[in-house]
Amino acid sequence: MINFLILPILVPLITAVILIFLNKSVIAQRWVSGLSAFVTVILSALLVNKVKNDGIQTLNLSNWDAPFGITLVSDMLSALLVLTTSIVAFACIIYSFKGIGEAREKHHFYAALQFLIVGVNGAFTTGDIFNLFVFFEVMLMSSYALILLGGTNIQLRESIKYILVNVISSGLFVIAVGYLYSVVGTLNMAHIAERISEISGISQPGVISIIGIIFLIVFGLKGAIFPLYFWLPGSYYAPPAPVMAIFGALLTKVGVYSIIRTYSLFFYEDGGYVQQVIMILAILTIIAGIIGALAYWDVKKIIIYNIIVAVGVILFGVSTMNENALTGSIFYLIHDMIIKAALFLLVGLMATISGTNNLKQMGGLIKNYPGFSWTFFLAALALSGIPPLSGFVGKVLIVQGGFSSEYFIGAAIVLASSLFVLISIMKIFINGVWGEPKTYANEKSVPYKQLLIAPVILVILSICYGVGADFVYPYISQAAESLINTNIYIDAVLKE
């Protein structure tokens, strides 16, 4: 048991409190927030190395042994997602220095962002199902502040829907936790898995499957799976680019992670009812996302609907529950967090230069902004899964896992989705970046070079992640191993 794994939660928490008292000095807020985010990246990287060398790390808060107290758990999946979250947050903070506006900076933007990082990293690290709910609420309350900050008409309109959906989802979460506790008598996730195994026998009782469906509705609302994604396109469209990048890269992925963690631990029975439901919804999610991405000529909407496609691809791999597909899902999950953040920042820069989100009013950006243009091109190829970039490896493993488990239709849809994603994203490049050069009224006032730094960092990282897949694979494989063999996770937490 070590205290080290709480630091990626504790550092942004302390930083957020400090930033509340620095609201009159924008420069001080930038320095403190940027330095804190960088330190969190370093600590997260050290945690990944610790888990790689020494196995799963646990921390029993207040020295109450599991399962009686709250336990924080860092297996490789958790540690990798905390590291990716920290990197994405650091990039978005750098972009925000010139891309969010001083008015928002003076109204606690950086403090709200740090509180959101606390919630996301805590959700990835906790080993307690009720504590997962608590960290969800920390994350969501911060996101309420961020989506409202600025007070534009579209933000106020979409925030009502966003808050209402999440309040309902949180209520269902508490109900699901209550039902689960009434059946198993514990909140520790490793202990829940053990108790369910004891009461299930050969097959899971119907009550466990019902609880599983309630959890799927809760996490499906937060992760934006079909048909529960209705709130996402408008809500993610409303805030400015750095907030949109944070939301698109991290918030839906917390819902996806929760499905992965609870499904692999609690509702794991091969061929079970929950598995079939997840697979069907994953396929429908991919199709719905593709339709939206192809239908719109708004650069933000195209990227937003590609979030939905990625959620479906990841969950299809999870639903097959074999080693190849799970490994691919984890690989693709990390890839999507990085590349979606980069793309949202890039389309945010694109909209800032052109003064519009409408592709039909853009064109020829490559003439005056070649650095931006080729960065966007590489990000588009990575998102589409063109080898050897980062989207390729994960999707290939998911497709292999689907075919090996004889889920041919689902695997074929995942494979075909790459083509449609490429068409949707290249529509932006051909019409907005390539196209006929146009004159934009505000382009000379845009701090182009400063705003390009953060997306370039993320795109370079994405390229390294794909090209260096052989180096990364042992880490991803270790993360998948604890999902497939849940006894590794259970034994580490309960010390059996």
Protein backbone atom coordinates (compact mmCIF):
# COMPACT_ATOMS: atom_id res chain seq x y z
CA MET A 1 0.00 0.00 0.00
CA ILE A 2 1.44 3.39 -1.06
CA ASN A 3 0.23 6.99 -0.95
CA PHE A 4 1.71 7.71 -4.37
CA LEU A 5 -1.42 6.85 -6.35
CA ILE A 6 -3.49 9.58 -4.68
CA LEU A 7 -1.16 12.36 -5.91
CA PRO A 8 -2.73 12.76 -9.40
CA ILE A 9 -5.97 13.47 -7.52
CA LEU A 10 -4.50 15.52 -4.68
CA VAL A 11 -2.31 17.87 -6.76
CA PRO A 12 -5.13 19.25 -8.95
CA LEU A 13 -7.40 19.46 -5.87
CA ILE A 14 -4.91 21.64 -3.96
CA THR A 15 -4.26 23.65 -7.13
CA ALA A 16 -7.98 24.30 -7.62
CA VAL A 17 -8.30 25.66 -4.08
CA ILE A 18 -5.27 27.94 -4.57
CA LEU A 19 -6.60 29.19 -7.93
CA ILE A 20 -9.88 30.32 -6.33
CA PHE A 21 -7.89 32.97 -4.43
CA LEU A 22 -5.94 34.10 -7.54
CA ASN A 23 -8.92 35.17 -9.63
CA LYS A 24 -7.67 38.78 -9.89
CA SER A 25 -4.36 37.76 -11.50
CA VAL A 26 -4.73 35.96 -14.82
CA ILE A 27 -0.96 35.56 -15.22
CA ALA A 28 -0.65 33.88 -11.81
CA GLN A 29 -3.54 31.55 -12.65
CA ARG A 30 -1.89 30.52 -15.90
CA TRP A 31 1.45 29.78 -14.26
CA VAL A 32 -0.01 27.87 -11.31
CA SER A 33 -2.44 25.86 -13.45
CA GLY A 34 0.14 25.05 -16.14
CA LEU A 35 2.80 24.04 -13.61
CA SER A 36 0.33 21.90 -11.68
CA ALA A 37 -0.81 20.14 -14.85
CA PHE A 38 2.80 19.44 -15.83
CA VAL A 39 3.58 18.02 -12.37
CA THR A 40 0.48 15.83 -12.61
CA VAL A 41 1.72 14.45 -15.94
CA ILE A 42 5.08 13.56 -14.35
CA LEU A 43 3.44 11.94 -11.33
CA SER A 44 1.07 9.96 -13.57
CA ALA A 45 3.96 8.70 -15.70
CA LEU A 46 5.82 7.60 -12.56
CA LEU A 47 2.67 5.80 -11.40
CA VAL A 48 2.44 3.90 -14.70
CA ASN A 49 6.06 2.83 -14.27
CA LYS A 50 5.37 1.77 -10.66
CA VAL A 51 2.41 -0.39 -11.72
CA LYS A 52 4.43 -1.87 -14.58
CA ASN A 53 7.26 -2.94 -12.28
CA ASP A 54 5.42 -3.78 -9.04
CA GLY A 55 1.89 -4.70 -10.12
CA ILE A 56 -1.43 -3.26 -8.99
CA GLN A 57 -1.12 -0.52 -6.35
CA THR A 58 -3.77 0.05 -3.65
CA LEU A 59 -4.37 2.61 -0.94
CA ASN A 60 -6.85 2.07 1.91
CA LEU A 61 -7.94 5.53 3.00
CA SER A 62 -7.77 6.18 6.77
CA ASN A 63 -6.18 2.72 7.11
CA TRP A 64 -9.54 0.96 6.95
CA ASP A 65 -8.77 -2.36 5.25
CA ALA A 66 -10.75 -3.39 2.19
CA PRO A 67 -13.62 -4.05 1.89
CA PHE A 68 -14.67 -1.98 4.92
CA GLY A 69 -13.15 1.35 3.93
CA ILE A 70 -12.68 3.30 0.70
CA THR A 71 -9.90 1.85 -1.43
CA LEU A 72 -8.07 3.54 -4.30
CA VAL A 73 -6.75 1.09 -6.89
CA SER A 74 -4.29 1.70 -9.71
CA ASP A 75 -4.03 -1.22 -12.08
CA MET A 76 -2.46 -0.61 -15.48
CA LEU A 77 -5.76 0.41 -17.11
CA SER A 78 -6.42 3.00 -14.42
CA ALA A 79 -2.85 4.32 -14.46
CA LEU A 80 -2.75 4.67 -18.27
CA LEU A 81 -6.05 6.56 -18.32
CA VAL A 82 -4.89 8.88 -15.51
CA LEU A 83 -1.71 9.60 -17.50
CA THR A 84 -3.67 10.27 -20.70
CA THR A 85 -6.10 12.53 -18.82
CA SER A 86 -3.21 14.51 -17.36
CA ILE A 87 -1.58 14.98 -20.78
CA VAL A 88 -4.83 16.08 -22.43
CA ALA A 89 -5.55 18.50 -19.57
CA PHE A 90 -2.03 19.96 -19.81
CA ALA A 91 -2.45 20.54 -23.57
CA CYS A 92 -5.86 22.16 -23.11
CA ILE A 93 -4.50 24.47 -20.41
CA ILE A 94 -1.68 25.58 -22.75
CA TYR A 95 -4.25 26.29 -25.48
CA SER A 96 -6.42 28.20 -23.02
CA PHE A 97 -3.70 30.79 -22.35
CA LYS A 98 -4.62 32.42 -25.67
CA GLY A 99 -7.77 30.56 -26.62
CA ILE A 100 -10.30 30.97 -23.80
CA GLY A 101 -10.36 34.74 -23.28
CA GLU A 102 -9.50 36.80 -20.20
CA ALA A 103 -13.14 37.24 -19.21
CA ARG A 104 -13.50 33.49 -18.61
CA GLU A 105 -10.05 33.25 -17.03
CA LYS A 106 -11.04 35.85 -14.43
CA HIS A 107 -14.17 33.87 -13.55
CA HIS A 108 -12.41 30.76 -12.20
CA PHE A 109 -11.97 28.86 -15.48
CA TYR A 110 -8.70 27.24 -14.37
CA ALA A 111 -10.08 26.33 -10.92
CA ALA A 112 -13.11 24.62 -12.48
CA LEU A 113 -10.84 22.75 -14.89
CA GLN A 114 -8.64 21.51 -12.06
CA PHE A 115 -11.69 20.32 -10.11
CA LEU A 116 -12.80 18.47 -13.24
CA ILE A 117 -9.40 16.73 -13.41
CA VAL A 118 -9.89 15.69 -9.77
CA GLY A 119 -13.19 14.05 -10.70
CA VAL A 120 -11.89 12.29 -13.81
CA ASN A 121 -8.68 10.97 -12.21
CA GLY A 122 -10.63 9.94 -9.11
CA ALA A 123 -13.18 8.03 -11.18
CA PHE A 124 -10.39 6.16 -12.93
CA THR A 125 -8.64 5.35 -9.62
CA THR A 126 -11.37 4.47 -7.14
CA GLY A 127 -12.05 0.88 -6.18
CA ASP A 128 -15.40 1.66 -4.51
CA ILE A 129 -18.64 1.81 -6.49
CA PHE A 130 -20.21 4.58 -4.34
CA ASN A 131 -16.96 6.54 -4.41
CA LEU A 132 -17.18 6.28 -8.22
CA PHE A 133 -20.52 8.10 -7.94
CA VAL A 134 -18.90 10.78 -5.75
CA PHE A 135 -16.10 11.41 -8.25
CA PHE A 136 -18.68 11.48 -11.05
CA GLU A 137 -20.45 14.28 -9.19
CA VAL A 138 -17.20 16.22 -8.68
CA MET A 139 -16.54 15.91 -12.41
CA LEU A 140 -20.10 16.88 -13.36
CA MET A 141 -20.34 19.90 -11.05
CA SER A 142 -17.11 21.21 -12.57
CA SER A 143 -18.45 20.57 -16.06
CA TYR A 144 -21.63 22.52 -15.21
CA ALA A 145 -19.46 25.54 -14.40
CA LEU A 146 -17.37 25.14 -17.54
CA ILE A 147 -20.32 24.72 -19.90
CA LEU A 148 -21.97 27.88 -18.47
CA LEU A 149 -18.85 30.02 -18.21
CA GLY A 150 -19.26 32.88 -20.67
CA GLY A 151 -23.05 32.99 -20.55
CA THR A 152 -23.73 32.98 -24.29
CA ASN A 153 -27.24 32.13 -25.48
CA ILE A 154 -26.27 28.71 -26.83
CA GLN A 155 -24.42 27.84 -23.60
CA LEU A 156 -27.41 28.74 -21.45
CA ARG A 157 -29.79 26.79 -23.69
CA GLU A 158 -27.69 23.64 -23.95
CA SER A 159 -26.64 23.66 -20.30
CA ILE A 160 -30.25 23.13 -19.23
CA LYS A 161 -30.42 19.91 -21.22
CA TYR A 162 -26.94 18.82 -20.12
CA ILE A 163 -27.64 19.39 -16.41
CA LEU A 164 -31.09 17.76 -16.57
CA VAL A 165 -29.76 14.61 -18.25
CA ASN A 166 -26.91 14.27 -15.77
CA VAL A 167 -29.14 14.86 -12.74
CA ILE A 168 -31.44 12.04 -13.92
CA SER A 169 -28.41 9.85 -14.62
CA SER A 170 -26.99 10.53 -11.15
CA GLY A 171 -30.33 9.61 -9.56
CA LEU A 172 -30.36 6.32 -11.44
CA PHE A 173 -26.75 5.74 -10.39
CA VAL A 174 -27.68 5.97 -6.70
CA ILE A 175 -30.65 3.63 -7.25
CA ALA A 176 -28.42 1.11 -9.04
CA VAL A 177 -25.83 1.24 -6.24
CA GLY A 178 -28.60 0.76 -3.66
CA TYR A 179 -30.00 -2.27 -5.48
CA LEU A 180 -26.53 -3.76 -5.84
CA TYR A 181 -25.74 -3.21 -2.17
CA SER A 182 -29.01 -4.85 -1.13
CA VAL A 183 -27.95 -7.98 -3.05
CA VAL A 184 -24.24 -8.24 -2.23
CA GLY A 185 -23.89 -6.19 1.00
CA THR A 186 -20.70 -4.36 -0.01
CA LEU A 187 -19.53 -1.36 -2.04
CA ASN A 188 -15.91 -2.38 -2.68
CA MET A 189 -15.76 -3.36 -6.35
CA ALA A 190 -13.40 -6.28 -5.85
CA HIS A 191 -15.57 -7.58 -3.02
CA ILE A 192 -18.72 -7.08 -5.13
CA ALA A 193 -17.16 -9.26 -7.84
CA GLU A 194 -16.38 -11.93 -5.25
CA ARG A 195 -19.89 -11.84 -3.77
CA ILE A 196 -21.59 -12.00 -7.17
CA SER A 197 -19.44 -15.01 -8.04
CA GLU A 198 -20.59 -16.70 -4.81
CA ILE A 199 -24.30 -16.09 -5.34
CA SER A 200 -24.35 -16.66 -9.08
CA GLY A 201 -23.38 -20.31 -9.24
CA ILE A 202 -23.34 -21.52 -12.81
CA SER A 203 -25.48 -18.68 -14.16
CA GLN A 204 -26.22 -15.18 -12.95
CA PRO A 205 -29.61 -14.69 -11.29
CA GLY A 206 -32.08 -12.40 -13.02
CA VAL A 207 -31.67 -9.63 -10.42
CA ILE A 208 -27.97 -9.24 -11.28
CA SER A 209 -28.80 -8.87 -14.98
CA ILE A 210 -31.43 -6.23 -14.14
CA ILE A 211 -28.91 -4.29 -12.05
CA GLY A 212 -26.47 -4.65 -14.93
CA ILE A 213 -28.95 -3.04 -17.32
CA ILE A 214 -29.57 -0.14 -14.90
CA PHE A 215 -25.83 0.47 -14.67
CA LEU A 216 -25.64 0.29 -18.46
CA ILE A 217 -28.33 3.01 -18.73
CA VAL A 218 -26.44 5.19 -16.21
CA PHE A 219 -23.04 4.82 -17.84
CA GLY A 220 -24.60 4.79 -21.31
CA LEU A 221 -26.06 8.25 -20.67
CA LYS A 222 -22.67 9.52 -19.55
CA GLY A 223 -20.77 7.66 -22.28
CA ALA A 224 -23.25 8.59 -25.06
CA ILE A 225 -24.22 5.17 -26.43
CA PHE A 226 -27.24 4.64 -28.67
CA PRO A 227 -29.96 5.85 -28.11
CA LEU A 228 -28.78 7.85 -25.08
CA TYR A 229 -26.45 10.19 -26.96
CA PHE A 230 -29.22 12.69 -27.86
CA TRP A 231 -27.89 15.33 -25.44
CA LEU A 232 -24.26 15.23 -26.57
CA PRO A 233 -24.11 17.03 -29.98
CA GLY A 234 -25.73 20.22 -28.67
CA SER A 235 -24.09 20.24 -25.23
CA TYR A 236 -20.56 19.70 -26.50
CA TYR A 237 -21.10 22.23 -29.27
CA ALA A 238 -21.87 25.11 -26.89
CA PRO A 239 -18.62 25.81 -24.95
CA PRO A 240 -15.36 27.23 -26.41
CA ALA A 241 -12.68 25.01 -27.95
CA PRO A 242 -10.57 24.12 -24.85
CA VAL A 243 -13.67 23.10 -22.88
CA MET A 244 -15.05 21.23 -25.89
CA ALA A 245 -11.73 19.36 -26.16
CA ILE A 246 -11.78 18.41 -22.47
CA PHE A 247 -15.40 17.27 -22.68
CA GLY A 248 -14.93 15.31 -25.92
CA ALA A 249 -11.69 13.66 -24.87
CA LEU A 250 -12.44 12.86 -21.22
CA LEU A 251 -16.05 12.98 -20.04
CA THR A 252 -17.56 10.37 -22.34
CA LYS A 253 -14.52 8.17 -21.73
CA VAL A 254 -15.26 8.09 -18.00
CA GLY A 255 -18.63 6.55 -18.86
CA VAL A 256 -16.95 4.07 -21.21
CA TYR A 257 -14.35 3.19 -18.56
CA SER A 258 -17.12 2.60 -16.01
CA ILE A 259 -18.83 0.16 -18.38
CA ILE A 260 -15.52 -1.64 -18.94
CA ARG A 261 -14.71 -1.86 -15.23
CA THR A 262 -18.14 -2.89 -13.93
CA TYR A 263 -18.90 -5.23 -16.83
CA SER A 264 -15.59 -7.09 -16.53
CA LEU A 265 -15.88 -7.41 -12.75
CA PHE A 266 -19.61 -7.83 -12.09
CA PHE A 267 -21.46 -8.82 -15.25
CA TYR A 268 -18.82 -10.94 -16.86
CA GLU A 269 -20.64 -14.17 -17.74
CA ASP A 270 -19.71 -15.24 -21.25
CA GLY A 271 -22.69 -15.15 -23.55
CA GLY A 272 -24.75 -13.36 -20.89
CA TYR A 273 -27.67 -11.04 -21.45
CA VAL A 274 -25.75 -7.85 -20.59
CA GLN A 275 -23.02 -8.75 -23.08
CA GLN A 276 -25.53 -9.14 -25.90
CA VAL A 277 -27.19 -5.82 -25.08
CA ILE A 278 -23.84 -3.99 -25.03
CA MET A 279 -22.86 -5.49 -28.39
CA ILE A 280 -26.12 -4.52 -30.10
CA LEU A 281 -26.00 -1.00 -28.68
CA ALA A 282 -22.34 -0.65 -29.68
CA ILE A 283 -23.13 -1.49 -33.30
CA LEU A 284 -26.10 0.89 -33.36
CA THR A 285 -23.92 3.60 -31.78
CA ILE A 286 -21.35 3.26 -34.58
CA ILE A 287 -24.06 3.54 -37.25
CA ALA A 288 -25.71 6.56 -35.59
CA GLY A 289 -22.38 8.34 -35.23
CA ILE A 290 -21.46 7.73 -38.87
CA ILE A 291 -24.80 9.11 -40.09
CA GLY A 292 -24.32 12.28 -38.04
CA ALA A 293 -20.69 12.77 -39.08
CA LEU A 294 -21.57 12.46 -42.78
CA ALA A 295 -24.70 14.61 -42.58
CA TYR A 296 -23.26 17.87 -41.20
CA TRP A 297 -21.22 20.67 -42.78
CA ASP A 298 -20.35 22.14 -39.38
CA VAL A 299 -16.76 21.34 -38.39
CA LYS A 300 -17.57 20.99 -34.69
CA LYS A 301 -20.57 18.73 -35.30
CA ILE A 302 -18.51 16.42 -37.54
CA ILE A 303 -15.92 15.85 -34.79
CA ILE A 304 -18.62 15.54 -32.12
CA TYR A 305 -20.40 12.76 -34.01
CA ASN A 306 -17.06 11.00 -34.43
CA ILE A 307 -16.97 10.77 -30.61
CA ILE A 308 -20.09 8.62 -30.84
CA VAL A 309 -18.50 6.40 -33.50
CA ALA A 310 -15.45 5.83 -31.27
CA VAL A 311 -17.60 4.97 -28.24
CA GLY A 312 -19.34 2.28 -30.31
CA VAL A 313 -16.05 0.85 -31.59
CA ILE A 314 -14.57 0.63 -28.08
CA LEU A 315 -17.67 -0.99 -26.58
CA PHE A 316 -17.93 -3.53 -29.38
CA GLY A 317 -14.44 -4.72 -28.44
CA VAL A 318 -15.43 -4.85 -24.76
CA SER A 319 -18.60 -6.83 -25.49
CA THR A 320 -16.69 -9.61 -27.28
CA MET A 321 -14.71 -10.16 -24.06
CA ASN A 322 -11.69 -11.85 -25.59
CA GLU A 323 -8.05 -10.88 -25.18
CA ASN A 324 -7.46 -9.39 -28.64
CA ALA A 325 -10.60 -7.27 -28.63
CA LEU A 326 -10.12 -6.02 -25.05
CA THR A 327 -6.50 -5.11 -25.77
CA GLY A 328 -7.65 -3.30 -28.91
CA SER A 329 -10.38 -1.46 -26.99
CA ILE A 330 -7.89 -0.15 -24.42
CA PHE A 331 -5.43 0.82 -27.16
CA TYR A 332 -8.18 2.59 -29.09
CA LEU A 333 -9.58 4.29 -25.98
CA ILE A 334 -6.25 5.97 -25.22
CA HIS A 335 -5.77 6.87 -28.90
CA ASP A 336 -9.20 8.46 -29.08
CA MET A 337 -8.68 10.56 -25.95
CA ILE A 338 -5.51 12.05 -27.44
CA ILE A 339 -6.64 12.55 -31.04
CA LYS A 340 -10.10 13.88 -30.19
CA ALA A 341 -8.56 16.54 -27.96
CA ALA A 342 -6.19 17.49 -30.79
CA LEU A 343 -8.99 17.66 -33.37
CA PHE A 344 -11.28 19.76 -31.18
CA LEU A 345 -8.46 22.22 -30.57
CA LEU A 346 -7.68 22.29 -34.31
CA VAL A 347 -11.28 22.91 -35.41
CA GLY A 348 -11.49 25.52 -32.65
CA LEU A 349 -8.48 27.27 -34.21
CA MET A 350 -10.03 26.82 -37.64
CA ALA A 351 -13.25 28.50 -36.50
CA THR A 352 -11.33 31.30 -34.78
CA ILE A 353 -9.40 32.10 -37.97
CA SER A 354 -12.40 31.93 -40.30
CA GLY A 355 -15.01 33.33 -37.92
CA THR A 356 -17.43 30.50 -38.69
CA ASN A 357 -18.03 26.79 -38.11
CA ASN A 358 -19.68 26.32 -41.51
CA LEU A 359 -17.45 24.47 -43.97
CA LYS A 360 -19.23 26.06 -46.92
CA GLN A 361 -17.90 29.45 -45.80
CA MET A 362 -14.29 28.27 -45.42
CA GLY A 363 -11.52 27.43 -47.86
CA GLY A 364 -7.84 27.69 -48.70
CA LEU A 365 -6.45 27.77 -45.16
CA ILE A 366 -3.41 25.84 -46.35
CA LYS A 367 -2.13 28.89 -48.23
CA ASN A 368 -1.56 31.04 -45.12
CA TYR A 369 -1.55 28.35 -42.43
CA PRO A 370 0.47 25.37 -43.72
CA GLY A 371 1.51 24.28 -40.20
CA PHE A 372 -2.09 24.05 -39.08
CA SER A 373 -3.14 22.37 -42.34
CA TRP A 374 -0.67 19.50 -42.24
CA THR A 375 -1.19 19.01 -38.50
CA PHE A 376 -4.90 18.62 -39.19
CA PHE A 377 -4.18 16.22 -42.06
CA LEU A 378 -2.08 13.95 -39.84
CA ALA A 379 -4.73 14.07 -37.10
CA ALA A 380 -7.40 13.13 -39.67
CA LEU A 381 -5.39 10.12 -40.83
CA ALA A 382 -4.79 9.01 -37.24
CA LEU A 383 -8.49 9.28 -36.41
CA SER A 384 -9.39 7.21 -39.47
CA GLY A 385 -7.01 4.41 -38.53
CA ILE A 386 -4.55 4.74 -41.42
CA PRO A 387 -1.42 2.64 -40.70
CA PRO A 388 0.96 3.09 -38.98
CA LEU A 389 -0.83 5.81 -36.99
CA SER A 390 -2.43 5.24 -33.60
CA GLY A 391 -5.99 4.49 -34.72
CA PHE A 392 -4.89 1.51 -36.79
CA VAL A 393 -3.52 -0.86 -34.15
CA GLY A 394 -6.48 -0.72 -31.76
CA LYS A 395 -9.08 -1.11 -34.48
CA VAL A 396 -7.26 -4.07 -36.06
CA LEU A 397 -7.14 -5.86 -32.71
CA ILE A 398 -10.85 -5.20 -32.14
CA VAL A 399 -11.72 -6.55 -35.60
CA GLN A 400 -9.51 -9.62 -35.05
CA GLY A 401 -11.22 -10.25 -31.72
CA GLY A 402 -14.65 -9.89 -33.33
CA PHE A 403 -13.86 -12.34 -36.12
CA SER A 404 -12.23 -14.84 -33.75
CA SER A 405 -15.40 -14.85 -31.62
CA GLU A 406 -17.52 -15.17 -34.79
CA TYR A 407 -19.20 -11.79 -34.46
CA PHE A 408 -18.77 -11.21 -38.17
CA ILE A 409 -21.37 -8.49 -38.73
CA GLY A 410 -20.17 -6.33 -35.85
CA ALA A 411 -16.51 -6.73 -36.84
CA ALA A 412 -17.34 -5.81 -40.44
CA ILE A 413 -19.19 -2.67 -39.30
CA VAL A 414 -16.20 -1.65 -37.15
CA LEU A 415 -13.94 -2.17 -40.16
CA ALA A 416 -16.23 -0.22 -42.48
CA SER A 417 -16.50 2.63 -39.99
CA SER A 418 -12.89 3.58 -40.75
CA LEU A 419 -13.85 4.44 -44.33
CA PHE A 420 -16.82 6.57 -43.29
CA VAL A 421 -14.79 8.35 -40.59
CA LEU A 422 -12.14 9.11 -43.22
CA ILE A 423 -14.78 10.52 -45.59
CA SER A 424 -16.28 12.73 -42.87
CA ILE A 425 -12.96 14.11 -41.65
CA MET A 426 -11.49 14.59 -45.14
CA LYS A 427 -14.59 16.63 -45.99
CA ILE A 428 -13.20 19.20 -43.55
CA PHE A 429 -9.73 19.04 -45.11
CA ILE A 430 -10.87 19.21 -48.74
CA ASN A 431 -13.41 22.01 -48.28
CA GLY A 432 -11.96 24.03 -45.43
CA VAL A 433 -8.21 23.53 -45.63
CA TRP A 434 -7.59 22.74 -49.31
CA GLY A 435 -10.33 24.55 -51.27
CA GLU A 436 -10.38 28.01 -52.76
CA PRO A 437 -8.55 30.63 -50.61
CA LYS A 438 -10.84 33.12 -48.87
CA THR A 439 -10.31 36.32 -46.94
CA TYR A 440 -11.29 36.32 -43.27
CA ALA A 441 -11.96 39.55 -41.39
CA ASN A 442 -10.37 38.65 -38.02
CA GLU A 443 -7.54 36.35 -39.05
CA LYS A 444 -4.75 38.91 -38.43
CA SER A 445 -5.74 39.24 -34.77
CA VAL A 446 -5.62 35.48 -34.10
CA PRO A 447 -2.56 34.32 -32.04
CA TYR A 448 -2.12 31.45 -34.50
CA LYS A 449 1.33 30.19 -33.50
CA GLN A 450 0.54 30.10 -29.78
CA LEU A 451 -2.76 28.28 -30.35
CA LEU A 452 -1.07 25.69 -32.57
CA ILE A 453 1.39 24.51 -29.88
CA ALA A 454 -1.04 22.32 -27.91
CA PRO A 455 -2.60 20.42 -30.88
CA VAL A 456 0.86 19.86 -32.38
CA ILE A 457 2.01 18.28 -29.09
CA LEU A 458 -1.01 15.97 -29.07
CA VAL A 459 -0.67 14.98 -32.74
CA ILE A 460 3.03 14.21 -32.30
CA LEU A 461 2.16 12.11 -29.24
CA SER A 462 -0.51 10.29 -31.26
CA ILE A 463 1.98 9.54 -34.05
CA CYS A 464 4.53 8.23 -31.53
CA TYR A 465 1.79 6.13 -29.91
CA GLY A 466 1.03 4.45 -33.24
CA VAL A 467 4.56 4.11 -34.58
CA GLY A 468 5.82 2.95 -31.17
CA ALA A 469 3.06 0.36 -30.72
CA ASP A 470 5.61 -2.38 -29.98
CA PHE A 471 6.88 -0.36 -27.02
CA VAL A 472 3.38 0.46 -25.76
CA TYR A 473 1.86 -3.00 -26.28
CA PRO A 474 3.20 -4.62 -23.05
CA TYR A 475 1.51 -1.88 -21.01
CA ILE A 476 -1.78 -2.29 -22.87
CA SER A 477 -1.56 -6.07 -22.60
CA GLN A 478 -1.03 -5.82 -18.83
CA ALA A 479 -4.11 -3.58 -18.60
CA ALA A 480 -6.21 -6.10 -20.53
CA GLU A 481 -4.93 -9.00 -18.42
CA SER A 482 -6.54 -7.69 -15.22
CA LEU A 483 -9.87 -7.34 -17.08
CA ILE A 484 -9.76 -10.88 -18.44
CA ASN A 485 -8.44 -12.50 -15.26
CA THR A 486 -10.34 -10.57 -12.61
CA ASN A 487 -8.72 -12.58 -9.81
CA ILE A 488 -5.58 -10.48 -10.33
CA TYR A 489 -7.54 -7.33 -9.46
CA ILE A 490 -9.56 -8.96 -6.65
CA ASP A 491 -6.50 -10.50 -4.96
CA ALA A 492 -4.57 -7.22 -5.15
CA VAL A 493 -7.38 -5.28 -3.47
CA LEU A 494 -8.49 -7.83 -0.86
CA LYS A 495 -4.95 -9.14 -0.27
CA GLU A 496 -6.04 -12.76 -0.54
